[in-house]
C-alpha atoms as a PDB file:
ATOM      1  CA  UNK A   1       0.424  -0.368   0.424  1.00  0.00           C
ATOM      2  CA  UNK A   2       1.445   3.196  -0.884  1.00  0.00           C
ATOM      3  CA  UNK A   3       1.658   6.660   1.317  1.00  0.00           C
ATOM      4  CA  UNK A   4      -1.567   8.415   0.307  1.00  0.00           C
ATOM      5  CA  UNK A   5      -0.461  12.514  -0.010  1.00  0.00           C
ATOM      6  CA  UNK A   6      -3.223  15.307   1.167  1.00  0.00           C
ATOM      7  CA  UNK A   7      -3.047  16.928  -1.702  1.00  0.00           C
ATOM      8  CA  UNK A   8      -2.812  13.752  -3.800  1.00  0.00           C
ATOM      9  CA  UNK A   9      -6.209  12.229  -2.115  1.00  0.00           C
ATOM     10  CA  UNK A  10      -7.981  16.036  -2.754  1.00  0.00           C
ATOM     11  CA  UNK A  11      -6.699  16.100  -5.805  1.00  0.00           C
ATOM     12  CA  UNK A  12      -6.183  19.368  -5.869  1.00  0.00           C
ATOM     13  CA  UNK A  13      -4.476  19.929  -8.592  1.00  0.00           C
ATOM     14  CA  UNK A  14      -7.676  19.431 -10.868  1.00  0.00           C
ATOM     15  CA  UNK A  15      -9.515  22.017  -8.287  1.00  0.00           C
ATOM     16  CA  UNK A  16      -7.790  24.758  -8.102  1.00  0.00           C
ATOM     17  CA  UNK A  17      -6.829  24.759 -11.691  1.00  0.00           C
ATOM     18  CA  UNK A  18     -10.828  24.639 -12.491  1.00  0.00           C
ATOM     19  CA  UNK A  19     -11.124  28.117 -12.702  1.00  0.00           C
ATOM     20  CA  UNK A  20     -11.097  29.723 -15.777  1.00  0.00           C
ATOM     21  CA  UNK A  21     -12.805  33.359 -16.334  1.00  0.00           C
ATOM     22  CA  UNK A  22     -14.337  34.619 -19.026  1.00  0.00           C
ATOM     23  CA  UNK A  23     -13.175  38.356 -18.470  1.00  0.00           C
ATOM     24  CA  UNK A  24      -9.298  36.622 -18.281  1.00  0.00           C
ATOM     25  CA  UNK A  25      -9.875  34.875 -21.832  1.00  0.00           C
ATOM     26  CA  UNK A  26     -10.826  38.675 -23.137  1.00  0.00           C
ATOM     27  CA  UNK A  27      -8.038  40.260 -21.034  1.00  0.00           C
ATOM     28  CA  UNK A  28     -10.868  42.374 -19.153  1.00  0.00           C
ATOM     29  CA  UNK A  29     -10.480  42.907 -15.616  1.00  0.00           C
ATOM     30  CA  UNK A  30     -13.126  41.698 -13.514  1.00  0.00           C
ATOM     31  CA  UNK A  31     -11.887  41.108 -10.175  1.00  0.00           C
ATOM     32  CA  UNK A  32     -14.955  39.295  -8.905  1.00  0.00           C
ATOM     33  CA  UNK A  33     -15.737  36.576 -11.342  1.00  0.00           C
ATOM     34  CA  UNK A  34     -13.057  34.427  -9.412  1.00  0.00           C
ATOM     35  CA  UNK A  35     -15.549  34.700  -6.230  1.00  0.00           C
ATOM     36  CA  UNK A  36     -18.224  34.390  -8.245  1.00  0.00           C
ATOM     37  CA  UNK A  37     -16.944  31.448 -10.514  1.00  0.00           C
ATOM     38  CA  UNK A  38     -15.499  29.773  -7.341  1.00  0.00           C
ATOM     39  CA  UNK A  39     -19.064  30.182  -5.249  1.00  0.00           C
ATOM     40  CA  UNK A  40     -21.133  27.867  -7.714  1.00  0.00           C
ATOM     41  CA  UNK A  41     -18.860  25.546  -7.546  1.00  0.00           C
ATOM     42  CA  UNK A  42     -18.876  24.395  -3.858  1.00  0.00           C
ATOM     43  CA  UNK A  43     -22.453  25.270  -4.706  1.00  0.00           C
ATOM     44  CA  UNK A  44     -22.235  22.275  -6.978  1.00  0.00           C
ATOM     45  CA  UNK A  45     -20.250  19.694  -4.158  1.00  0.00           C
ATOM     46  CA  UNK A  46     -22.507  20.321  -1.469  1.00  0.00           C
ATOM     47  CA  UNK A  47     -25.420  19.389  -4.228  1.00  0.00           C
ATOM     48  CA  UNK A  48     -23.405  16.141  -4.459  1.00  0.00           C
ATOM     49  CA  UNK A  49     -23.139  15.375  -1.395  1.00  0.00           C
ATOM     50  CA  UNK A  50     -26.760  16.166  -0.661  1.00  0.00           C
ATOM     51  CA  UNK A  51     -27.538  13.012  -3.457  1.00  0.00           C
ATOM     52  CA  UNK A  52     -24.646  11.291  -1.717  1.00  0.00           C
ATOM     53  CA  UNK A  53     -26.902  11.493   1.486  1.00  0.00           C
ATOM     54  CA  UNK A  54     -30.480  11.293   0.267  1.00  0.00           C
ATOM     55  CA  UNK A  55     -29.542   8.462  -2.372  1.00  0.00           C
ATOM     56  CA  UNK A  56     -28.554   6.501   0.836  1.00  0.00           C
ATOM     57  CA  UNK A  57     -31.724   7.678   2.746  1.00  0.00           C
ATOM     58  CA  UNK A  58     -34.077   6.270  -0.328  1.00  0.00           C
ATOM     59  CA  UNK A  59     -32.064   3.025  -0.274  1.00  0.00           C
ATOM     60  CA  UNK A  60     -32.872   2.581   3.101  1.00  0.00           C
ATOM     61  CA  UNK A  61     -36.948   4.080   3.191  1.00  0.00           C
ATOM     62  CA  UNK A  62     -37.331   1.727   0.098  1.00  0.00           C
ATOM     63  CA  UNK A  63     -36.960  -1.724   2.008  1.00  0.00           C
ATOM     64  CA  UNK A  64     -40.283  -3.690   2.359  1.00  0.00           C
ATOM     65  CA  UNK A  65     -39.948  -3.240   6.320  1.00  0.00           C
ATOM     66  CA  UNK A  66     -38.288  -0.551   8.732  1.00  0.00           C
ATOM     67  CA  UNK A  67     -38.083  -1.316  12.090  1.00  0.00           C
ATOM     68  CA  UNK A  68     -39.298   2.148  14.197  1.00  0.00           C
ATOM     69  CA  UNK A  69     -36.628   1.776  16.695  1.00  0.00           C
ATOM     70  CA  UNK A  70     -33.952   0.547  14.301  1.00  0.00           C
ATOM     71  CA  UNK A  71     -30.511   1.525  13.462  1.00  0.00           C
ATOM     72  CA  UNK A  72     -31.738   2.008  10.391  1.00  0.00           C
ATOM     73  CA  UNK A  73     -33.813   4.720  10.918  1.00  0.00           C
ATOM     74  CA  UNK A  74     -31.717   6.176  13.123  1.00  0.00           C
ATOM     75  CA  UNK A  75     -29.682   6.684  10.136  1.00  0.00           C
ATOM     76  CA  UNK A  76     -32.277   8.403   8.155  1.00  0.00           C
ATOM     77  CA  UNK A  77     -32.837  10.911  11.028  1.00  0.00           C
ATOM     78  CA  UNK A  78     -28.736  11.163  11.286  1.00  0.00           C
ATOM     79  CA  UNK A  79     -28.869  12.298   7.242  1.00  0.00           C
ATOM     80  CA  UNK A  80     -31.382  13.506   6.955  1.00  0.00           C
ATOM     81  CA  UNK A  81     -30.679  16.309   9.601  1.00  0.00           C
ATOM     82  CA  UNK A  82     -26.634  16.331   7.819  1.00  0.00           C
ATOM     83  CA  UNK A  83     -28.976  17.684   4.565  1.00  0.00           C
ATOM     84  CA  UNK A  84     -30.720  20.833   6.804  1.00  0.00           C
ATOM     85  CA  UNK A  85     -27.411  21.648   8.175  1.00  0.00           C
ATOM     86  CA  UNK A  86     -25.996  22.067   4.747  1.00  0.00           C
ATOM     87  CA  UNK A  87     -28.687  23.358   3.049  1.00  0.00           C
ATOM     88  CA  UNK A  88     -27.849  26.171   6.029  1.00  0.00           C
ATOM     89  CA  UNK A  89     -24.234  26.608   5.060  1.00  0.00           C
ATOM     90  CA  UNK A  90     -25.694  26.555   0.831  1.00  0.00           C
ATOM     91  CA  UNK A  91     -27.572  29.982   2.366  1.00  0.00           C
ATOM     92  CA  UNK A  92     -25.139  31.709   4.359  1.00  0.00           C
ATOM     93  CA  UNK A  93     -23.009  31.624   1.194  1.00  0.00           C
ATOM     94  CA  UNK A  94     -25.215  33.515  -0.295  1.00  0.00           C
ATOM     95  CA  UNK A  95     -23.352  35.817   2.202  1.00  0.00           C
ATOM     96  CA  UNK A  96     -20.273  35.717   0.540  1.00  0.00           C
ATOM     97  CA  UNK A  97     -21.215  36.021  -2.951  1.00  0.00           C
ATOM     98  CA  UNK A  98     -23.446  39.595  -2.319  1.00  0.00           C
ATOM     99  CA  UNK A  99     -19.957  41.071  -0.795  1.00  0.00           C
ATOM    100  CA  UNK A 100     -20.200  41.837  -4.809  1.00  0.00           C
ATOM    101  CA  UNK A 101     -21.263  44.685  -5.479  1.00  0.00           C
ATOM    102  CA  UNK A 102     -24.309  45.187  -8.541  1.00  0.00           C
ATOM    103  CA  UNK A 103     -21.272  46.975 -10.603  1.00  0.00           C
ATOM    104  CA  UNK A 104     -18.622  44.484  -9.955  1.00  0.00           C
ATOM    105  CA  UNK A 105     -21.247  41.757 -11.671  1.00  0.00           C
ATOM    106  CA  UNK A 106     -21.485  43.911 -14.258  1.00  0.00           C
ATOM    107  CA  UNK A 107     -17.992  43.710 -15.061  1.00  0.00           C
ATOM    108  CA  UNK A 108     -18.017  40.350 -16.227  1.00  0.00           C
ATOM    109  CA  UNK A 109     -21.932  39.420 -16.216  1.00  0.00           C
ATOM    110  CA  UNK A 110     -22.238  39.640 -20.221  1.00  0.00           C
ATOM    111  CA  UNK A 111     -19.472  37.361 -20.886  1.00  0.00           C
ATOM    112  CA  UNK A 112     -21.155  34.379 -19.374  1.00  0.00           C
ATOM    113  CA  UNK A 113     -24.554  34.826 -21.944  1.00  0.00           C
ATOM    114  CA  UNK A 114     -26.204  31.958 -22.103  1.00  0.00           C
ATOM    115  CA  UNK A 115     -25.293  30.202 -18.958  1.00  0.00           C
ATOM    116  CA  UNK A 116     -27.238  30.502 -15.826  1.00  0.00           C
ATOM    117  CA  UNK A 117     -28.122  28.850 -12.679  1.00  0.00           C
ATOM    118  CA  UNK A 118     -31.356  27.773 -14.070  1.00  0.00           C
ATOM    119  CA  UNK A 119     -29.362  25.482 -15.973  1.00  0.00           C
ATOM    120  CA  UNK A 120     -27.964  23.786 -12.312  1.00  0.00           C
ATOM    121  CA  UNK A 121     -29.432  20.197 -13.064  1.00  0.00           C
ATOM    122  CA  UNK A 122     -27.952  18.828  -9.746  1.00  0.00           C
ATOM    123  CA  UNK A 123     -30.354  20.945  -7.755  1.00  0.00           C
ATOM    124  CA  UNK A 124     -33.479  19.928 -10.332  1.00  0.00           C
ATOM    125  CA  UNK A 125     -32.356  16.579  -9.843  1.00  0.00           C
ATOM    126  CA  UNK A 126     -32.422  16.778  -5.982  1.00  0.00           C
ATOM    127  CA  UNK A 127     -35.601  18.316  -5.927  1.00  0.00           C
ATOM    128  CA  UNK A 128     -37.515  15.667  -8.258  1.00  0.00           C
ATOM    129  CA  UNK A 129     -35.699  13.005  -5.232  1.00  0.00           C
ATOM    130  CA  UNK A 130     -37.288  14.653  -2.541  1.00  0.00           C
ATOM    131  CA  UNK A 131     -41.011  14.022  -4.278  1.00  0.00           C
ATOM    132  CA  UNK A 132     -41.097  17.638  -6.605  1.00  0.00           C
ATOM    133  CA  UNK A 133     -43.006  16.009  -9.404  1.00  0.00           C
ATOM    134  CA  UNK A 134     -42.831  17.901 -12.985  1.00  0.00           C
ATOM    135  CA  UNK A 135     -47.258  19.084 -13.341  1.00  0.00           C
ATOM    136  CA  UNK A 136     -46.542  20.553  -9.502  1.00  0.00           C
ATOM    137  CA  UNK A 137     -43.323  22.968 -11.171  1.00  0.00           C
ATOM    138  CA  UNK A 138     -43.730  26.650 -11.563  1.00  0.00           C
ATOM    139  CA  UNK A 139     -42.877  27.342 -15.485  1.00  0.00           C
ATOM    140  CA  UNK A 140     -42.942  23.050 -15.569  1.00  0.00           C
ATOM    141  CA  UNK A 141     -42.717  23.721 -19.746  1.00  0.00           C
ATOM    142  CA  UNK A 142     -39.441  25.808 -19.122  1.00  0.00           C
ATOM    143  CA  UNK A 143     -37.201  23.906 -16.244  1.00  0.00           C
ATOM    144  CA  UNK A 144     -35.743  21.386 -18.378  1.00  0.00           C
ATOM    145  CA  UNK A 145     -35.383  23.382 -21.650  1.00  0.00           C
ATOM    146  CA  UNK A 146     -31.215  24.294 -21.347  1.00  0.00           C
ATOM    147  CA  UNK A 147     -30.177  21.225 -19.663  1.00  0.00           C
ATOM    148  CA  UNK A 148     -28.093  18.681 -21.914  1.00  0.00           C
ATOM    149  CA  UNK A 149     -30.506  15.553 -22.386  1.00  0.00           C
ATOM    150  CA  UNK A 150     -28.299  13.595 -20.173  1.00  0.00           C
ATOM    151  CA  UNK A 151     -29.291  15.404 -17.385  1.00  0.00           C
ATOM    152  CA  UNK A 152     -32.672  15.772 -18.397  1.00  0.00           C
ATOM    153  CA  UNK A 153     -32.607  11.954 -18.397  1.00  0.00           C
ATOM    154  CA  UNK A 154     -31.809  11.884 -15.518  1.00  0.00           C
ATOM    155  CA  UNK A 155     -34.437  14.248 -13.375  1.00  0.00           C
ATOM    156  CA  UNK A 156     -37.346  12.564 -15.364  1.00  0.00           C
ATOM    157  CA  UNK A 157     -36.298   9.103 -14.328  1.00  0.00           C
ATOM    158  CA  UNK A 158     -36.091  10.223 -11.056  1.00  0.00           C
ATOM    159  CA  UNK A 159     -39.112  11.568 -11.078  1.00  0.00           C
ATOM    160  CA  UNK A 160     -40.983   9.056 -12.047  1.00  0.00           C
ATOM    161  CA  UNK A 161     -39.669   6.425  -9.543  1.00  0.00           C
ATOM    162  CA  UNK A 162     -40.705   6.498  -5.795  1.00  0.00           C
ATOM    163  CA  UNK A 163     -39.690   9.491  -4.300  1.00  0.00           C
ATOM    164  CA  UNK A 164     -38.791  10.498  -0.712  1.00  0.00           C
ATOM    165  CA  UNK A 165     -41.779  11.907   0.246  1.00  0.00           C
ATOM    166  CA  UNK A 166     -44.240   8.873  -1.659  1.00  0.00           C
ATOM    167  CA  UNK A 167     -41.931   6.159   0.710  1.00  0.00           C
ATOM    168  CA  UNK A 168     -42.257   8.607   3.689  1.00  0.00           C
ATOM    169  CA  UNK A 169     -46.383   7.780   2.895  1.00  0.00           C
ATOM    170  CA  UNK A 170     -45.757   4.445   2.570  1.00  0.00           C
ATOM    171  CA  UNK A 171     -43.633   4.299   5.497  1.00  0.00           C
ATOM    172  CA  UNK A 172     -46.107   6.245   7.907  1.00  0.00           C
ATOM    173  CA  UNK A 173     -48.835   4.250   5.881  1.00  0.00           C
ATOM    174  CA  UNK A 174     -47.278   0.705   8.118  1.00  0.00           C
ATOM    175  CA  UNK A 175     -47.532   2.396  11.344  1.00  0.00           C
ATOM    176  CA  UNK A 176     -48.120  -0.546  13.797  1.00  0.00           C
ATOM    177  CA  UNK A 177     -51.279  -1.594  16.074  1.00  0.00           C
ATOM    178  CA  UNK A 178     -53.952   0.854  14.460  1.00  0.00           C
ATOM    179  CA  UNK A 179     -55.256  -1.721  12.678  1.00  0.00           C
ATOM    180  CA  UNK A 180     -55.645  -3.986  15.480  1.00  0.00           C
ATOM    181  CA  UNK A 181     -59.018  -3.201  17.023  1.00  0.00           C
ATOM    182  CA  UNK A 182     -58.458  -5.120  20.003  1.00  0.00           C
ATOM    183  CA  UNK A 183     -55.947  -2.945  21.231  1.00  0.00           C
ATOM    184  CA  UNK A 184     -58.027   0.135  20.615  1.00  0.00           C
ATOM    185  CA  UNK A 185     -60.713  -2.197  23.474  1.00  0.00           C
ATOM    186  CA  UNK A 186     -60.244  -0.512  26.346  1.00  0.00           C
ATOM    187  CA  UNK A 187     -59.949   3.336  24.779  1.00  0.00           C
ATOM    188  CA  UNK A 188     -62.378   5.502  27.381  1.00  0.00           C
ATOM    189  CA  UNK A 189     -64.754   6.983  24.609  1.00  0.00           C
ATOM    190  CA  UNK A 190     -66.284  10.582  25.950  1.00  0.00           C
ATOM    191  CA  UNK A 191     -68.024  12.171  23.834  1.00  0.00           C
ATOM    192  CA  UNK A 192     -71.477  11.329  22.084  1.00  0.00           C
ATOM    193  CA  UNK A 193     -72.249  10.175  18.967  1.00  0.00           C
ATOM    194  CA  UNK A 194     -68.719   7.551  17.816  1.00  0.00           C
ATOM    195  CA  UNK A 195     -68.161   8.578  13.731  1.00  0.00           C
ATOM    196  CA  UNK A 196     -66.268   6.600  12.355  1.00  0.00           C
ATOM    197  CA  UNK A 197     -67.038   2.852  14.264  1.00  0.00           C
ATOM    198  CA  UNK A 198     -64.358   0.335  15.808  1.00  0.00           C
ATOM    199  CA  UNK A 199     -60.614   0.113  16.676  1.00  0.00           C
ATOM    200  CA  UNK A 200     -58.367   2.981  15.975  1.00  0.00           C
ATOM    201  CA  UNK A 201     -60.902   4.538  14.969  1.00  0.00           C
ATOM    202  CA  UNK A 202     -62.635   5.468  17.971  1.00  0.00           C
ATOM    203  CA  UNK A 203     -59.297   7.088  19.036  1.00  0.00           C
ATOM    204  CA  UNK A 204     -59.920   9.407  15.863  1.00  0.00           C
ATOM    205  CA  UNK A 205     -63.745  10.314  16.402  1.00  0.00           C
ATOM    206  CA  UNK A 206     -62.605  11.029  21.166  1.00  0.00           C
ATOM    207  CA  UNK A 207     -59.650  13.336  19.063  1.00  0.00           C
ATOM    208  CA  UNK A 208     -62.157  14.865  16.754  1.00  0.00           C
ATOM    209  CA  UNK A 209     -64.826  16.014  19.532  1.00  0.00           C
ATOM    210  CA  UNK A 210     -61.643  17.287  21.281  1.00  0.00           C
ATOM    211  CA  UNK A 211     -60.253  19.546  18.594  1.00  0.00           C
ATOM    212  CA  UNK A 212     -63.611  21.143  17.911  1.00  0.00           C
ATOM    213  CA  UNK A 213     -64.016  22.106  20.751  1.00  0.00           C
ATOM    214  CA  UNK A 214     -60.342  23.518  21.048  1.00  0.00           C
ATOM    215  CA  UNK A 215     -61.397  25.765  17.876  1.00  0.00           C
ATOM    216  CA  UNK A 216     -61.950  29.010  18.420  1.00  0.00           C
ATOM    217  CA  UNK A 217     -65.223  30.525  16.908  1.00  0.00           C
ATOM    218  CA  UNK A 218     -62.641  31.719  13.352  1.00  0.00           C
ATOM    219  CA  UNK A 219     -61.757  28.661  12.693  1.00  0.00           C
ATOM    220  CA  UNK A 220     -64.990  26.718  12.944  1.00  0.00           C
ATOM    221  CA  UNK A 221     -64.213  25.566   9.701  1.00  0.00           C
ATOM    222  CA  UNK A 222     -61.838  23.484  10.068  1.00  0.00           C
ATOM    223  CA  UNK A 223     -63.390  20.661  11.334  1.00  0.00           C
ATOM    224  CA  UNK A 224     -64.434  20.519   7.998  1.00  0.00           C
ATOM    225  CA  UNK A 225     -61.220  19.875   6.539  1.00  0.00           C
ATOM    226  CA  UNK A 226     -61.055  17.170   9.395  1.00  0.00           C
ATOM    227  CA  UNK A 227     -62.791  14.416   7.854  1.00  0.00           C
ATOM    228  CA  UNK A 228     -61.253  15.353   4.007  1.00  0.00           C
ATOM    229  CA  UNK A 229     -57.607  15.245   5.602  1.00  0.00           C
ATOM    230  CA  UNK A 230     -57.905  12.069   8.061  1.00  0.00           C
ATOM    231  CA  UNK A 231     -60.830   9.842   6.191  1.00  0.00           C
ATOM    232  CA  UNK A 232     -60.977  10.496   2.787  1.00  0.00           C
ATOM    233  CA  UNK A 233     -59.819   9.088   0.325  1.00  0.00           C
ATOM    234  CA  UNK A 234     -56.978  11.409  -1.834  1.00  0.00           C
ATOM    235  CA  UNK A 235     -54.405  10.899  -4.294  1.00  0.00           C
ATOM    236  CA  UNK A 236     -50.747   9.619  -2.764  1.00  0.00           C
ATOM    237  CA  UNK A 237     -48.738  10.182  -6.039  1.00  0.00           C
ATOM    238  CA  UNK A 238     -48.407  13.823  -4.306  1.00  0.00           C
ATOM    239  CA  UNK A 239     -49.855  14.408  -1.642  1.00  0.00           C
ATOM    240  CA  UNK A 240     -50.183  12.313   1.715  1.00  0.00           C
ATOM    241  CA  UNK A 241     -52.893   9.481   1.368  1.00  0.00           C
ATOM    242  CA  UNK A 242     -55.328   9.259   5.177  1.00  0.00           C
ATOM    243  CA  UNK A 243     -53.956   6.867   6.300  1.00  0.00           C
ATOM    244  CA  UNK A 244     -50.589   8.118   6.350  1.00  0.00           C
ATOM    245  CA  UNK A 245     -52.050  12.159   7.751  1.00  0.00           C
ATOM    246  CA  UNK A 246     -53.052   9.838  10.549  1.00  0.00           C
ATOM    247  CA  UNK A 247     -50.353   8.216  11.249  1.00  0.00           C
ATOM    248  CA  UNK A 248     -48.023  11.832  10.989  1.00  0.00           C
ATOM    249  CA  UNK A 249     -50.781  13.441  13.256  1.00  0.00           C
ATOM    250  CA  UNK A 250     -50.475  10.915  15.801  1.00  0.00           C
ATOM    251  CA  UNK A 251     -46.884  11.033  15.876  1.00  0.00           C
ATOM    252  CA  UNK A 252     -46.822  14.305  16.385  1.00  0.00           C
ATOM    253  CA  UNK A 253     -49.716  13.899  19.253  1.00  0.00           C
ATOM    254  CA  UNK A 254     -47.898  11.267  20.970  1.00  0.00           C
ATOM    255  CA  UNK A 255     -44.084  12.216  20.288  1.00  0.00           C
ATOM    256  CA  UNK A 256     -43.106  12.002  24.087  1.00  0.00           C
ATOM    257  CA  UNK A 257     -43.407   8.265  23.812  1.00  0.00           C
ATOM    258  CA  UNK A 258     -40.467   6.719  23.310  1.00  0.00           C
ATOM    259  CA  UNK A 259     -41.848   4.677  20.145  1.00  0.00           C
ATOM    260  CA  UNK A 260     -42.564   7.846  18.225  1.00  0.00           C
ATOM    261  CA  UNK A 261     -39.528   9.633  18.850  1.00  0.00           C
ATOM    262  CA  UNK A 262     -37.304   9.050  15.593  1.00  0.00           C
ATOM    263  CA  UNK A 263     -40.418   8.933  13.660  1.00  0.00           C
ATOM    264  CA  UNK A 264     -40.872  12.373  14.832  1.00  0.00           C
ATOM    265  CA  UNK A 265     -37.768  13.174  14.049  1.00  0.00           C
ATOM    266  CA  UNK A 266     -37.950  11.900  10.276  1.00  0.00           C
ATOM    267  CA  UNK A 267     -40.836  14.639  10.375  1.00  0.00           C
ATOM    268  CA  UNK A 268     -39.520  17.435  12.043  1.00  0.00           C
ATOM    269  CA  UNK A 269     -36.282  17.002   9.761  1.00  0.00           C
ATOM    270  CA  UNK A 270     -38.925  17.521   6.831  1.00  0.00           C
ATOM    271  CA  UNK A 271     -40.025  20.395   7.958  1.00  0.00           C
ATOM    272  CA  UNK A 272     -36.404  21.625   8.205  1.00  0.00           C
ATOM    273  CA  UNK A 273     -35.205  20.322   5.354  1.00  0.00           C
ATOM    274  CA  UNK A 274     -38.840  22.185   3.541  1.00  0.00           C
ATOM    275  CA  UNK A 275     -38.615  25.639   5.305  1.00  0.00           C
ATOM    276  CA  UNK A 276     -34.406  25.125   4.437  1.00  0.00           C
ATOM    277  CA  UNK A 277     -35.352  25.228   0.725  1.00  0.00           C
ATOM    278  CA  UNK A 278     -37.577  28.342   1.247  1.00  0.00           C
ATOM    279  CA  UNK A 279     -35.184  30.429   2.973  1.00  0.00           C
ATOM    280  CA  UNK A 280     -32.823  29.338   0.127  1.00  0.00           C
ATOM    281  CA  UNK A 281     -34.631  30.026  -2.266  1.00  0.00           C
ATOM    282  CA  UNK A 282     -36.283  33.854  -1.389  1.00  0.00           C
ATOM    283  CA  UNK A 283     -32.266  34.477  -0.660  1.00  0.00           C
ATOM    284  CA  UNK A 284     -31.703  34.035  -3.850  1.00  0.00           C
ATOM    285  CA  UNK A 285     -34.532  35.544  -5.678  1.00  0.00           C
ATOM    286  CA  UNK A 286     -33.665  38.553  -3.226  1.00  0.00           C
ATOM    287  CA  UNK A 287     -30.079  38.464  -4.201  1.00  0.00           C
ATOM    288  CA  UNK A 288     -31.069  38.155  -7.834  1.00  0.00           C
ATOM    289  CA  UNK A 289     -33.017  41.549  -7.689  1.00  0.00           C
ATOM    290  CA  UNK A 290     -30.694  43.023  -5.307  1.00  0.00           C
ATOM    291  CA  UNK A 291     -27.695  42.715  -8.301  1.00  0.00           C
ATOM    292  CA  UNK A 292     -30.160  42.979 -11.811  1.00  0.00           C
ATOM    293  CA  UNK A 293     -32.991  44.679 -10.891  1.00  0.00           C
ATOM    294  CA  UNK A 294     -35.937  43.416 -12.946  1.00  0.00           C
ATOM    295  CA  UNK A 295     -33.961  42.255 -15.660  1.00  0.00           C
ATOM    296  CA  UNK A 296     -33.787  39.053 -17.575  1.00  0.00           C
ATOM    297  CA  UNK A 297     -31.243  36.705 -16.344  1.00  0.00           C
ATOM    298  CA  UNK A 298     -28.504  35.977 -18.273  1.00  0.00           C
ATOM    299  CA  UNK A 299     -30.584  31.786 -19.280  1.00  0.00           C
ATOM    300  CA  UNK A 300     -33.578  34.347 -20.875  1.00  0.00           C
ATOM    301  CA  UNK A 301     -35.900  33.422 -17.174  1.00  0.00           C
ATOM    302  CA  UNK A 302     -37.976  36.810 -15.990  1.00  0.00           C
ATOM    303  CA  UNK A 303     -35.644  36.708 -13.112  1.00  0.00           C
ATOM    304  CA  UNK A 304     -36.552  38.068 -10.083  1.00  0.00           C
ATOM    305  CA  UNK A 305     -40.379  37.436 -11.080  1.00  0.00           C
ATOM    306  CA  UNK A 306     -39.564  34.353 -11.710  1.00  0.00           C
ATOM    307  CA  UNK A 307     -37.797  32.462  -8.680  1.00  0.00           C
ATOM    308  CA  UNK A 308     -40.720  34.255  -6.643  1.00  0.00           C
ATOM    309  CA  UNK A 309     -43.564  32.855  -8.194  1.00  0.00           C
ATOM    310  CA  UNK A 310     -40.903  29.380  -7.824  1.00  0.00           C
ATOM    311  CA  UNK A 311     -40.107  29.726  -4.148  1.00  0.00           C
ATOM    312  CA  UNK A 312     -43.835  29.966  -3.372  1.00  0.00           C
ATOM    313  CA  UNK A 313     -44.563  26.751  -4.401  1.00  0.00           C
ATOM    314  CA  UNK A 314     -42.020  24.685  -4.393  1.00  0.00           C
ATOM    315  CA  UNK A 315     -42.744  23.745  -0.930  1.00  0.00           C
ATOM    316  CA  UNK A 316     -42.047  19.778  -1.192  1.00  0.00           C
ATOM    317  CA  UNK A 317     -43.630  18.086   2.199  1.00  0.00           C
ATOM    318  CA  UNK A 318     -46.093  21.160   3.041  1.00  0.00           C
ATOM    319  CA  UNK A 319     -48.959  18.192   3.688  1.00  0.00           C
ATOM    320  CA  UNK A 320     -46.729  17.638   7.298  1.00  0.00           C
ATOM    321  CA  UNK A 321     -46.390  21.687   7.826  1.00  0.00           C
ATOM    322  CA  UNK A 322     -50.583  21.550   7.931  1.00  0.00           C
ATOM    323  CA  UNK A 323     -50.857  18.793  10.003  1.00  0.00           C
ATOM    324  CA  UNK A 324     -50.395  21.448  13.125  1.00  0.00           C
ATOM    325  CA  UNK A 325     -53.470  23.124  12.616  1.00  0.00           C
ATOM    326  CA  UNK A 326     -55.448  19.602  13.856  1.00  0.00           C
ATOM    327  CA  UNK A 327     -53.339  20.061  16.591  1.00  0.00           C
ATOM    328  CA  UNK A 328     -54.514  20.329  20.582  1.00  0.00           C
ATOM    329  CA  UNK A 329     -53.196  21.042  23.396  1.00  0.00           C
ATOM    330  CA  UNK A 330     -51.194  18.781  25.711  1.00  0.00           C
ATOM    331  CA  UNK A 331     -53.170  18.881  28.710  1.00  0.00           C
ATOM    332  CA  UNK A 332     -56.177  17.886  25.904  1.00  0.00           C
ATOM    333  CA  UNK A 333     -55.460  14.945  24.617  1.00  0.00           C
ATOM    334  CA  UNK A 334     -57.150  11.527  24.531  1.00  0.00           C
ATOM    335  CA  UNK A 335     -55.920   8.717  27.645  1.00  0.00           C
ATOM    336  CA  UNK A 336     -54.380   6.401  25.256  1.00  0.00           C
ATOM    337  CA  UNK A 337     -55.349   2.201  26.205  1.00  0.00           C
ATOM    338  CA  UNK A 338     -52.468   0.921  28.608  1.00  0.00           C
ATOM    339  CA  UNK A 339     -51.722  -1.671  25.932  1.00  0.00           C
ATOM    340  CA  UNK A 340     -50.898   1.084  23.675  1.00  0.00           C
ATOM    341  CA  UNK A 341     -49.150   2.322  25.744  1.00  0.00           C
ATOM    342  CA  UNK A 342     -47.031  -0.473  26.584  1.00  0.00           C
ATOM    343  CA  UNK A 343     -46.282  -0.864  22.509  1.00  0.00           C
ATOM    344  CA  UNK A 344     -45.267   2.924  22.732  1.00  0.00           C
ATOM    345  CA  UNK A 345     -42.518   2.059  25.927  1.00  0.00           C
ATOM    346  CA  UNK A 346     -39.351   1.018  26.593  1.00  0.00           C
ATOM    347  CA  UNK A 347     -40.274  -2.822  27.432  1.00  0.00           C
ATOM    348  CA  UNK A 348     -38.697  -3.444  30.533  1.00  0.00           C
ATOM    349  CA  UNK A 349     -39.690  -6.927  31.775  1.00  0.00           C
ATOM    350  CA  UNK A 350     -42.685  -9.026  31.816  1.00  0.00           C
END
């Protein structure tokens, strides 16, 4: 085995010689073009790492059975958290880029046409893997128009494959003990009317009653949405199924139980990832507006207007976020049957 040298291991000859400013080729002074290149190359390296993490998570979630109290789920949570942290780094990199003034950018901007950040296929591919489908994109007729065919093929393949959102839906639908009617036979019911029947549905009848009583007068319409979200048939190619919604809300409500701690962290990390992606999009939009005002992008997009519309629309895990509308205070939660509590806790003996 030969010795490994830091310089060779990191292939620094390739990396440090990969910056070729267009301004230098035209013998024009544009000091900040080097910063512009390094920042965007760094973005693409971080996108590569995000794909590395996302692919590993997808591989675990695609397994037919995933123990909710297993090292594998801990790995999913850990790597989701890493994705969120990397996204925060991407946002902070904008601070560095904004040390470049609009006039500094104009020194070399026109030399970049038609190159554009819109041609970042890695970012679009990441969105597709997470669950942003073609039909829900803003400007879907345009979003792959400037990409190379090989990159379009990768994105289309990801869009047709099971996304992280769909895998989360399937995982939530496998919520243990929900289909066990005997597990709920000792559940105390205080409502005068049972909406849904036996087993798990007795719990949701009681919960709906308590939820309705917790609403302010101006929120009473929310009770009508309860059945739609948690008990009506819904599409699952993008939205979560009613069964998955019930499982997700149950995890949020009773996350204090040991068995639900990791599942809750999965859901919480989904919200964190969506929030960081949204923050990045809005920071990028504001930076573009600061740099070029209302001018069109170098790739031909409408610049800020396009970025704003995409930022407002491209929430991937918005259904998870909307479930918080149906939470009630801890002191009003229904008491779970003893056998359910036992299943949710640590086994300490017979």
